[in-house]
Amino acid sequence: FHKGMQDELSDPALTGLMDSINAYAQGATKDF
């Protein structure tokens, strides 16, 4: 959404997404 808007929240949203992926991958055991 923020990428499409090209607003100032796009980069923080991407950083948050990547952080969430790393955290999710550490605990995920079945739904990838």
Full PDB file with SEQRES, HELIX, SHEET, SSBOND, CRYST1, ORIGX, SCALE, CONECT and MASTER records, all heavy atoms in Angstrom:
SEQRES   1 A   32  PHE HIS LYS GLY MET GLN ASP GLU LEU SER ASP PRO ALA          
SEQRES   2 A   32  LEU THR GLY LEU MET ASP SER ILE ASN ALA TYR ALA GLN          
SEQRES   3 A   32  GLY ALA THR LYS ASP PHE                                      
HELIX    1 AA1 HIS A    2  MET A    5  1                                   4    
HELIX    2 AA2 SER A   10  GLY A   27  1                                  18    
CRYST1    1.000    1.000    1.000  90.00  90.00  90.00 P 1           1          
ORIGX1      1.000000  0.000000  0.000000        0.00000                         
ORIGX2      0.000000  1.000000  0.000000        0.00000                         
ORIGX3      0.000000  0.000000  1.000000        0.00000                         
SCALE1      1.000000  0.000000  0.000000        0.00000                         
SCALE2      0.000000  1.000000  0.000000        0.00000                         
SCALE3      0.000000  0.000000  1.000000        0.00000                         
ATOM      1  N   PHE A   1       0.833  -1.205   0.000  1.00  0.00           N  
ATOM      2  CA  PHE A   1       0.000   0.000   0.000  1.00  0.00           C  
ATOM      3  C   PHE A   1       0.867   1.254   0.000  1.00  0.00           C  
ATOM      4  O   PHE A   1       0.699   2.149  -0.844  1.00  0.00           O  
ATOM      5  CB  PHE A   1      -0.927  -0.024   1.219  1.00  0.00           C  
ATOM      6  CG  PHE A   1      -1.697   1.240   1.440  1.00  0.00           C  
ATOM      7  CD1 PHE A   1      -2.558   1.739   0.475  1.00  0.00           C  
ATOM      8  CD2 PHE A   1      -1.571   1.939   2.639  1.00  0.00           C  
ATOM      9  CE1 PHE A   1      -3.269   2.917   0.680  1.00  0.00           C  
ATOM     10  CE2 PHE A   1      -2.279   3.110   2.853  1.00  0.00           C  
ATOM     11  CZ  PHE A   1      -3.130   3.601   1.881  1.00  0.00           C  
ATOM     12  N   HIS A   2       1.821   1.325   0.921  1.00  0.00           N  
ATOM     13  CA  HIS A   2       2.674   2.519   1.006  1.00  0.00           C  
ATOM     14  C   HIS A   2       3.648   2.607  -0.172  1.00  0.00           C  
ATOM     15  O   HIS A   2       3.990   3.702  -0.616  1.00  0.00           O  
ATOM     16  CB  HIS A   2       3.433   2.525   2.327  1.00  0.00           C  
ATOM     17  CG  HIS A   2       2.546   2.757   3.517  1.00  0.00           C  
ATOM     18  ND1 HIS A   2       1.865   3.939   3.711  1.00  0.00           N  
ATOM     19  CD2 HIS A   2       2.212   1.951   4.565  1.00  0.00           C  
ATOM     20  CE1 HIS A   2       1.160   3.872   4.832  1.00  0.00           C  
ATOM     21  NE2 HIS A   2       1.338   2.672   5.356  1.00  0.00           N  
ATOM     22  N   LYS A   3       4.061   1.458  -0.686  1.00  0.00           N  
ATOM     23  CA  LYS A   3       4.908   1.450  -1.888  1.00  0.00           C  
ATOM     24  C   LYS A   3       4.151   2.066  -3.062  1.00  0.00           C  
ATOM     25  O   LYS A   3       4.696   2.883  -3.813  1.00  0.00           O  
ATOM     26  CB  LYS A   3       5.316   0.012  -2.216  1.00  0.00           C  
ATOM     27  CG  LYS A   3       6.028  -0.183  -3.552  1.00  0.00           C  
ATOM     28  CD  LYS A   3       7.470   0.204  -3.481  1.00  0.00           C  
ATOM     29  CE  LYS A   3       8.213  -0.222  -4.750  1.00  0.00           C  
ATOM     30  NZ  LYS A   3       9.622   0.197  -4.728  1.00  0.00           N  
ATOM     31  N   GLY A   4       2.894   1.685  -3.223  1.00  0.00           N  
ATOM     32  CA  GLY A   4       2.080   2.249  -4.293  1.00  0.00           C  
ATOM     33  C   GLY A   4       1.830   3.736  -4.108  1.00  0.00           C  
ATOM     34  O   GLY A   4       1.756   4.483  -5.086  1.00  0.00           O  
ATOM     35  N   MET A   5       1.711   4.167  -2.844  1.00  0.00           N  
ATOM     36  CA  MET A   5       1.500   5.585  -2.550  1.00  0.00           C  
ATOM     37  C   MET A   5       2.779   6.393  -2.708  1.00  0.00           C  
ATOM     38  O   MET A   5       2.741   7.612  -2.853  1.00  0.00           O  
ATOM     39  CB  MET A   5       0.987   5.739  -1.112  1.00  0.00           C  
ATOM     40  CG  MET A   5      -0.383   5.147  -0.868  1.00  0.00           C  
ATOM     41  SD  MET A   5      -1.693   6.256  -1.395  1.00  0.00           S  
ATOM     42  CE  MET A   5      -1.529   7.535  -0.172  1.00  0.00           C  
ATOM     43  N   GLN A   6       3.927   5.711  -2.664  1.00  0.00           N  
ATOM     44  CA  GLN A   6       5.243   6.365  -2.719  1.00  0.00           C  
ATOM     45  C   GLN A   6       5.366   7.418  -1.623  1.00  0.00           C  
ATOM     46  O   GLN A   6       5.892   8.512  -1.851  1.00  0.00           O  
ATOM     47  CB  GLN A   6       5.489   6.976  -4.110  1.00  0.00           C  
ATOM     48  CG  GLN A   6       5.523   5.955  -5.229  1.00  0.00           C  
ATOM     49  CD  GLN A   6       5.806   6.564  -6.587  1.00  0.00           C  
ATOM     50  OE1 GLN A   6       5.468   7.709  -6.852  1.00  0.00           O  
ATOM     51  NE2 GLN A   6       6.447   5.802  -7.453  1.00  0.00           N  
ATOM     52  N   ASP A   7       4.893   7.071  -0.435  1.00  0.00           N  
ATOM     53  CA  ASP A   7       4.933   8.032   0.659  1.00  0.00           C  
ATOM     54  C   ASP A   7       6.111   7.744   1.587  1.00  0.00           C  
ATOM     55  O   ASP A   7       6.907   6.831   1.354  1.00  0.00           O  
ATOM     56  CB  ASP A   7       3.606   8.040   1.433  1.00  0.00           C  
ATOM     57  CG  ASP A   7       3.273   6.678   2.040  1.00  0.00           C  
ATOM     58  OD1 ASP A   7       4.196   5.856   2.219  1.00  0.00           O  
ATOM     59  OD2 ASP A   7       2.086   6.427   2.332  1.00  0.00           O  
ATOM     60  N   GLU A   8       6.213   8.559   2.659  1.00  0.00           N  
ATOM     61  CA  GLU A   8       7.362   8.456   3.555  1.00  0.00           C  
ATOM     62  C   GLU A   8       7.334   7.200   4.423  1.00  0.00           C  
ATOM     63  O   GLU A   8       8.324   6.866   5.080  1.00  0.00           O  
ATOM     64  CB  GLU A   8       7.432   9.695   4.469  1.00  0.00           C  
ATOM     65  CG  GLU A   8       6.314   9.798   5.504  1.00  0.00           C  
ATOM     66  CD  GLU A   8       5.013  10.358   4.933  1.00  0.00           C  
ATOM     67  OE1 GLU A   8       4.989  10.656   3.717  1.00  0.00           O  
ATOM     68  OE2 GLU A   8       4.052  10.506   5.695  1.00  0.00           O  
ATOM     69  N   LEU A   9       6.217   6.486   4.418  1.00  0.00           N  
ATOM     70  CA  LEU A   9       6.108   5.266   5.210  1.00  0.00           C  
ATOM     71  C   LEU A   9       6.528   4.016   4.440  1.00  0.00           C  
ATOM     72  O   LEU A   9       6.549   2.923   4.997  1.00  0.00           O  
ATOM     73  CB  LEU A   9       4.669   5.096   5.706  1.00  0.00           C  
ATOM     74  CG  LEU A   9       4.157   6.171   6.679  1.00  0.00           C  
ATOM     75  CD1 LEU A   9       2.697   5.915   7.032  1.00  0.00           C  
ATOM     76  CD2 LEU A   9       5.011   6.219   7.934  1.00  0.00           C  
ATOM     77  N   SER A  10       6.869   4.172   3.171  1.00  0.00           N  
ATOM     78  CA  SER A  10       7.206   3.011   2.344  1.00  0.00           C  
ATOM     79  C   SER A  10       8.448   2.291   2.858  1.00  0.00           C  
ATOM     80  O   SER A  10       8.442   1.071   3.040  1.00  0.00           O  
ATOM     81  CB  SER A  10       7.412   3.448   0.896  1.00  0.00           C  
ATOM     82  OG  SER A  10       7.805   2.360   0.089  1.00  0.00           O  
ATOM     83  N   ASP A  11       9.529   3.021   3.103  1.00  0.00           N  
ATOM     84  CA  ASP A  11      10.769   2.395   3.575  1.00  0.00           C  
ATOM     85  C   ASP A  11      10.615   1.776   4.964  1.00  0.00           C  
ATOM     86  O   ASP A  11      11.048   0.635   5.179  1.00  0.00           O  
ATOM     87  CB  ASP A  11      11.917   3.407   3.556  1.00  0.00           C  
ATOM     88  CG  ASP A  11      12.381   3.731   2.139  1.00  0.00           C  
ATOM     89  OD1 ASP A  11      12.071   2.945   1.222  1.00  0.00           O  
ATOM     90  OD2 ASP A  11      13.044   4.754   1.945  1.00  0.00           O  
ATOM     91  N   PRO A  12      10.010   2.504   5.943  1.00  0.00           N  
ATOM     92  CA  PRO A  12       9.791   1.855   7.247  1.00  0.00           C  
ATOM     93  C   PRO A  12       8.913   0.611   7.155  1.00  0.00           C  
ATOM     94  O   PRO A  12       9.137  -0.365   7.882  1.00  0.00           O  
ATOM     95  CB  PRO A  12       9.111   2.955   8.077  1.00  0.00           C  
ATOM     96  CG  PRO A  12       9.521   4.232   7.446  1.00  0.00           C  
ATOM     97  CD  PRO A  12       9.650   3.927   5.989  1.00  0.00           C  
ATOM     98  N   ALA A  13       7.922   0.634   6.250  1.00  0.00           N  
ATOM     99  CA  ALA A  13       7.057  -0.534   6.089  1.00  0.00           C  
ATOM    100  C   ALA A  13       7.848  -1.722   5.541  1.00  0.00           C  
ATOM    101  O   ALA A  13       7.626  -2.870   5.947  1.00  0.00           O  
ATOM    102  CB  ALA A  13       5.891  -0.200   5.168  1.00  0.00           C  
ATOM    103  N   LEU A  14       8.777  -1.453   4.632  1.00  0.00           N  
ATOM    104  CA  LEU A  14       9.615  -2.522   4.079  1.00  0.00           C  
ATOM    105  C   LEU A  14      10.541  -3.088   5.157  1.00  0.00           C  
ATOM    106  O   LEU A  14      10.707  -4.309   5.259  1.00  0.00           O  
ATOM    107  CB  LEU A  14      10.426  -1.996   2.896  1.00  0.00           C  
ATOM    108  CG  LEU A  14      11.360  -2.994   2.207  1.00  0.00           C  
ATOM    109  CD1 LEU A  14      10.594  -4.222   1.730  1.00  0.00           C  
ATOM    110  CD2 LEU A  14      12.081  -2.327   1.039  1.00  0.00           C  
ATOM    111  N   THR A  15      11.129  -2.200   5.956  1.00  0.00           N  
ATOM    112  CA  THR A  15      11.989  -2.656   7.051  1.00  0.00           C  
ATOM    113  C   THR A  15      11.190  -3.504   8.036  1.00  0.00           C  
ATOM    114  O   THR A  15      11.650  -4.565   8.481  1.00  0.00           O  
ATOM    115  CB  THR A  15      12.606  -1.448   7.783  1.00  0.00           C  
ATOM    116  OG1 THR A  15      13.384  -0.679   6.861  1.00  0.00           O  
ATOM    117  CG2 THR A  15      13.498  -1.906   8.934  1.00  0.00           C  
ATOM    118  N   GLY A  16       9.981  -3.042   8.366  1.00  0.00           N  
ATOM    119  CA  GLY A  16       9.126  -3.803   9.275  1.00  0.00           C  
ATOM    120  C   GLY A  16       8.750  -5.158   8.710  1.00  0.00           C  
ATOM    121  O   GLY A  16       8.688  -6.154   9.444  1.00  0.00           O  
ATOM    122  N   LEU A  17       8.510  -5.210   7.406  1.00  0.00           N  
ATOM    123  CA  LEU A  17       8.169  -6.477   6.762  1.00  0.00           C  
ATOM    124  C   LEU A  17       9.334  -7.458   6.852  1.00  0.00           C  
ATOM    125  O   LEU A  17       9.153  -8.631   7.202  1.00  0.00           O  
ATOM    126  CB  LEU A  17       7.801  -6.231   5.297  1.00  0.00           C  
ATOM    127  CG  LEU A  17       7.560  -7.459   4.432  1.00  0.00           C  
ATOM    128  CD1 LEU A  17       6.385  -8.285   4.956  1.00  0.00           C  
ATOM    129  CD2 LEU A  17       7.308  -7.057   2.966  1.00  0.00           C  
ATOM    130  N   MET A  18      10.537  -6.987   6.544  1.00  0.00           N  
ATOM    131  CA  MET A  18      11.700  -7.871   6.575  1.00  0.00           C  
ATOM    132  C   MET A  18      11.991  -8.343   7.999  1.00  0.00           C  
ATOM    133  O   MET A  18      12.333  -9.514   8.211  1.00  0.00           O  
ATOM    134  CB  MET A  18      12.929  -7.149   5.991  1.00  0.00           C  
ATOM    135  CG  MET A  18      12.796  -6.803   4.513  1.00  0.00           C  
ATOM    136  SD  MET A  18      12.540  -8.241   3.444  1.00  0.00           S  
ATOM    137  CE  MET A  18      14.128  -9.071   3.590  1.00  0.00           C  
ATOM    138  N   ASP A  19      11.853  -7.453   8.981  1.00  0.00           N  
ATOM    139  CA  ASP A  19      12.045  -7.857  10.380  1.00  0.00           C  
ATOM    140  C   ASP A  19      11.023  -8.925  10.773  1.00  0.00           C  
ATOM    141  O   ASP A  19      11.352  -9.892  11.477  1.00  0.00           O  
ATOM    142  CB  ASP A  19      11.917  -6.639  11.301  1.00  0.00           C  
ATOM    143  CG  ASP A  19      13.093  -5.670  11.168  1.00  0.00           C  
ATOM    144  OD1 ASP A  19      14.127  -6.071  10.604  1.00  0.00           O  
ATOM    145  OD2 ASP A  19      12.955  -4.519  11.621  1.00  0.00           O  
ATOM    146  N   SER A  20       9.795  -8.743  10.325  1.00  0.00           N  
ATOM    147  CA  SER A  20       8.729  -9.701  10.642  1.00  0.00           C  
ATOM    148  C   SER A  20       9.007 -11.056  10.004  1.00  0.00           C  
ATOM    149  O   SER A  20       8.749 -12.107  10.608  1.00  0.00           O  
ATOM    150  CB  SER A  20       7.377  -9.168  10.166  1.00  0.00           C  
ATOM    151  OG  SER A  20       7.047  -7.953  10.811  1.00  0.00           O  
ATOM    152  N   ILE A  21       9.531 -11.047   8.778  1.00  0.00           N  
ATOM    153  CA  ILE A  21       9.865 -12.283   8.080  1.00  0.00           C  
ATOM    154  C   ILE A  21      10.932 -13.054   8.855  1.00  0.00           C  
ATOM    155  O   ILE A  21      10.835 -14.274   9.064  1.00  0.00           O  
ATOM    156  CB  ILE A  21      10.348 -11.979   6.651  1.00  0.00           C  
ATOM    157  CG1 ILE A  21       9.177 -11.634   5.741  1.00  0.00           C  
ATOM    158  CG2 ILE A  21      11.134 -13.155   6.079  1.00  0.00           C  
ATOM    159  CD1 ILE A  21       8.241 -12.774   5.459  1.00  0.00           C  
ATOM    160  N   ASN A  22      11.975 -12.357   9.284  1.00  0.00           N  
ATOM    161  CA  ASN A  22      13.052 -13.022  10.012  1.00  0.00           C  
ATOM    162  C   ASN A  22      12.551 -13.627  11.319  1.00  0.00           C  
ATOM    163  O   ASN A  22      12.925 -14.752  11.675  1.00  0.00           O  
ATOM    164  CB  ASN A  22      14.193 -12.035  10.286  1.00  0.00           C  
ATOM    165  CG  ASN A  22      14.945 -11.648   9.026  1.00  0.00           C  
ATOM    166  OD1 ASN A  22      15.143 -12.477   8.142  1.00  0.00           O  
ATOM    167  ND2 ASN A  22      15.368 -10.399   8.917  1.00  0.00           N  
ATOM    168  N   ALA A  23      11.696 -12.885  12.018  1.00  0.00           N  
ATOM    169  CA  ALA A  23      11.145 -13.389  13.279  1.00  0.00           C  
ATOM    170  C   ALA A  23      10.210 -14.570  13.032  1.00  0.00           C  
ATOM    171  O   ALA A  23      10.240 -15.567  13.762  1.00  0.00           O  
ATOM    172  CB  ALA A  23      10.417 -12.265  14.013  1.00  0.00           C  
ATOM    173  N   TYR A  24       9.387 -14.467  11.997  1.00  0.00           N  
ATOM    174  CA  TYR A  24       8.440 -15.537  11.678  1.00  0.00           C  
ATOM    175  C   TYR A  24       9.187 -16.813  11.297  1.00  0.00           C  
ATOM    176  O   TYR A  24       8.817 -17.911  11.723  1.00  0.00           O  
ATOM    177  CB  TYR A  24       7.533 -15.093  10.531  1.00  0.00           C  
ATOM    178  CG  TYR A  24       6.501 -16.118  10.117  1.00  0.00           C  
ATOM    179  CD1 TYR A  24       5.316 -16.275  10.831  1.00  0.00           C  
ATOM    180  CD2 TYR A  24       6.697 -16.929   9.007  1.00  0.00           C  
ATOM    181  CE1 TYR A  24       4.365 -17.219  10.466  1.00  0.00           C  
ATOM    182  CE2 TYR A  24       5.759 -17.869   8.625  1.00  0.00           C  
ATOM    183  CZ  TYR A  24       4.591 -18.009   9.354  1.00  0.00           C  
ATOM    184  OH  TYR A  24       3.657 -18.951   8.981  1.00  0.00           O  
ATOM    185  N   ALA A  25      10.232 -16.669  10.497  1.00  0.00           N  
ATOM    186  CA  ALA A  25      10.969 -17.839  10.020  1.00  0.00           C  
ATOM    187  C   ALA A  25      11.630 -18.594  11.165  1.00  0.00           C  
ATOM    188  O   ALA A  25      11.766 -19.825  11.109  1.00  0.00           O  
ATOM    189  CB  ALA A  25      12.017 -17.414   8.995  1.00  0.00           C  
ATOM    190  N   GLN A  26      12.039 -17.887  12.200  1.00  0.00           N  
ATOM    191  CA  GLN A  26      12.694 -18.552  13.324  1.00  0.00           C  
ATOM    192  C   GLN A  26      11.740 -19.480  14.068  1.00  0.00           C  
ATOM    193  O   GLN A  26      12.156 -20.516  14.587  1.00  0.00           O  
ATOM    194  CB  GLN A  26      13.257 -17.503  14.288  1.00  0.00           C  
ATOM    195  CG  GLN A  26      14.467 -16.769  13.734  1.00  0.00           C  
ATOM    196  CD  GLN A  26      15.003 -15.720  14.698  1.00  0.00           C  
ATOM    197  OE1 GLN A  26      14.565 -15.622  15.836  1.00  0.00           O  
ATOM    198  NE2 GLN A  26      15.951 -14.917  14.220  1.00  0.00           N  
ATOM    199  N   GLY A  27      10.453 -19.106  14.111  1.00  0.00           N  
ATOM    200  CA  GLY A  27       9.506 -19.916  14.861  1.00  0.00           C  
ATOM    201  C   GLY A  27       8.608 -20.798  14.024  1.00  0.00           C  
ATOM    202  O   GLY A  27       8.017 -21.748  14.543  1.00  0.00           O  
ATOM    203  N   ALA A  28       8.486 -20.512  12.730  1.00  0.00           N  
ATOM    204  CA  ALA A  28       7.557 -21.262  11.874  1.00  0.00           C  
ATOM    205  C   ALA A  28       8.032 -22.693  11.686  1.00  0.00           C  
ATOM    206  O   ALA A  28       9.221 -22.949  11.470  1.00  0.00           O  
ATOM    207  CB  ALA A  28       7.415 -20.578  10.522  1.00  0.00           C  
ATOM    208  N   THR A  29       7.092 -23.628  11.771  1.00  0.00           N  
ATOM    209  CA  THR A  29       7.430 -25.042  11.605  1.00  0.00           C  
ATOM    210  C   THR A  29       6.643 -25.724  10.494  1.00  0.00           C  
ATOM    211  O   THR A  29       7.003 -26.829  10.081  1.00  0.00           O  
ATOM    212  CB  THR A  29       7.179 -25.814  12.914  1.00  0.00           C  
ATOM    213  OG1 THR A  29       5.803 -25.653  13.292  1.00  0.00           O  
ATOM    214  CG2 THR A  29       8.083 -25.300  14.025  1.00  0.00           C  
ATOM    215  N   LYS A  30       5.563 -25.091   9.993  1.00  0.00           N  
ATOM    216  CA  LYS A  30       4.765 -25.796   8.987  1.00  0.00           C  
ATOM    217  C   LYS A  30       4.199 -24.902   7.885  1.00  0.00           C  
ATOM    218  O   LYS A  30       4.100 -25.339   6.749  1.00  0.00           O  
ATOM    219  CB  LYS A  30       3.633 -26.567   9.648  1.00  0.00           C  
ATOM    220  CG  LYS A  30       2.713 -25.738  10.512  1.00  0.00           C  
ATOM    221  CD  LYS A  30       1.632 -26.607  11.155  1.00  0.00           C  
ATOM    222  CE  LYS A  30       0.689 -25.772  12.019  1.00  0.00           C  
ATOM    223  NZ  LYS A  30      -0.380 -26.582  12.632  1.00  0.00           N  
ATOM    224  N   ASP A  31       3.792 -23.671   8.190  1.00  0.00           N  
ATOM    225  CA  ASP A  31       3.166 -22.824   7.172  1.00  0.00           C  
ATOM    226  C   ASP A  31       4.178 -21.827   6.634  1.00  0.00           C  
ATOM    227  O   ASP A  31       4.449 -20.794   7.241  1.00  0.00           O  
ATOM    228  CB  ASP A  31       1.957 -22.088   7.757  1.00  0.00           C  
ATOM    229  CG  ASP A  31       1.103 -21.442   6.654  1.00  0.00           C  
ATOM    230  OD1 ASP A  31       1.589 -21.362   5.511  1.00  0.00           O  
ATOM    231  OD2 ASP A  31      -0.030 -21.035   6.940  1.00  0.00           O  
ATOM    232  N   PHE A  32       4.741 -22.156   5.458  1.00  0.00           N  
ATOM    233  CA  PHE A  32       5.777 -21.314   4.867  1.00  0.00           C  
ATOM    234  C   PHE A  32       5.268 -20.534   3.653  1.00  0.00           C  
ATOM    235  O   PHE A  32       6.034 -19.830   2.993  1.00  0.00           O  
ATOM    236  CB  PHE A  32       6.982 -22.171   4.463  1.00  0.00           C  
ATOM    237  CG  PHE A  32       7.479 -23.049   5.579  1.00  0.00           C  
ATOM    238  CD1 PHE A  32       7.560 -24.425   5.409  1.00  0.00           C  
ATOM    239  CD2 PHE A  32       7.838 -22.512   6.798  1.00  0.00           C  
ATOM    240  CE1 PHE A  32       7.996 -25.248   6.431  1.00  0.00           C  
ATOM    241  CE2 PHE A  32       8.285 -23.317   7.840  1.00  0.00           C  
ATOM    242  CZ  PHE A  32       8.364 -24.690   7.646  1.00  0.00           C  
TER     243      PHE A  32                                                      
MASTER        0    0    0    2    0    0    0    6  242    1    0    3          
END                                                                             
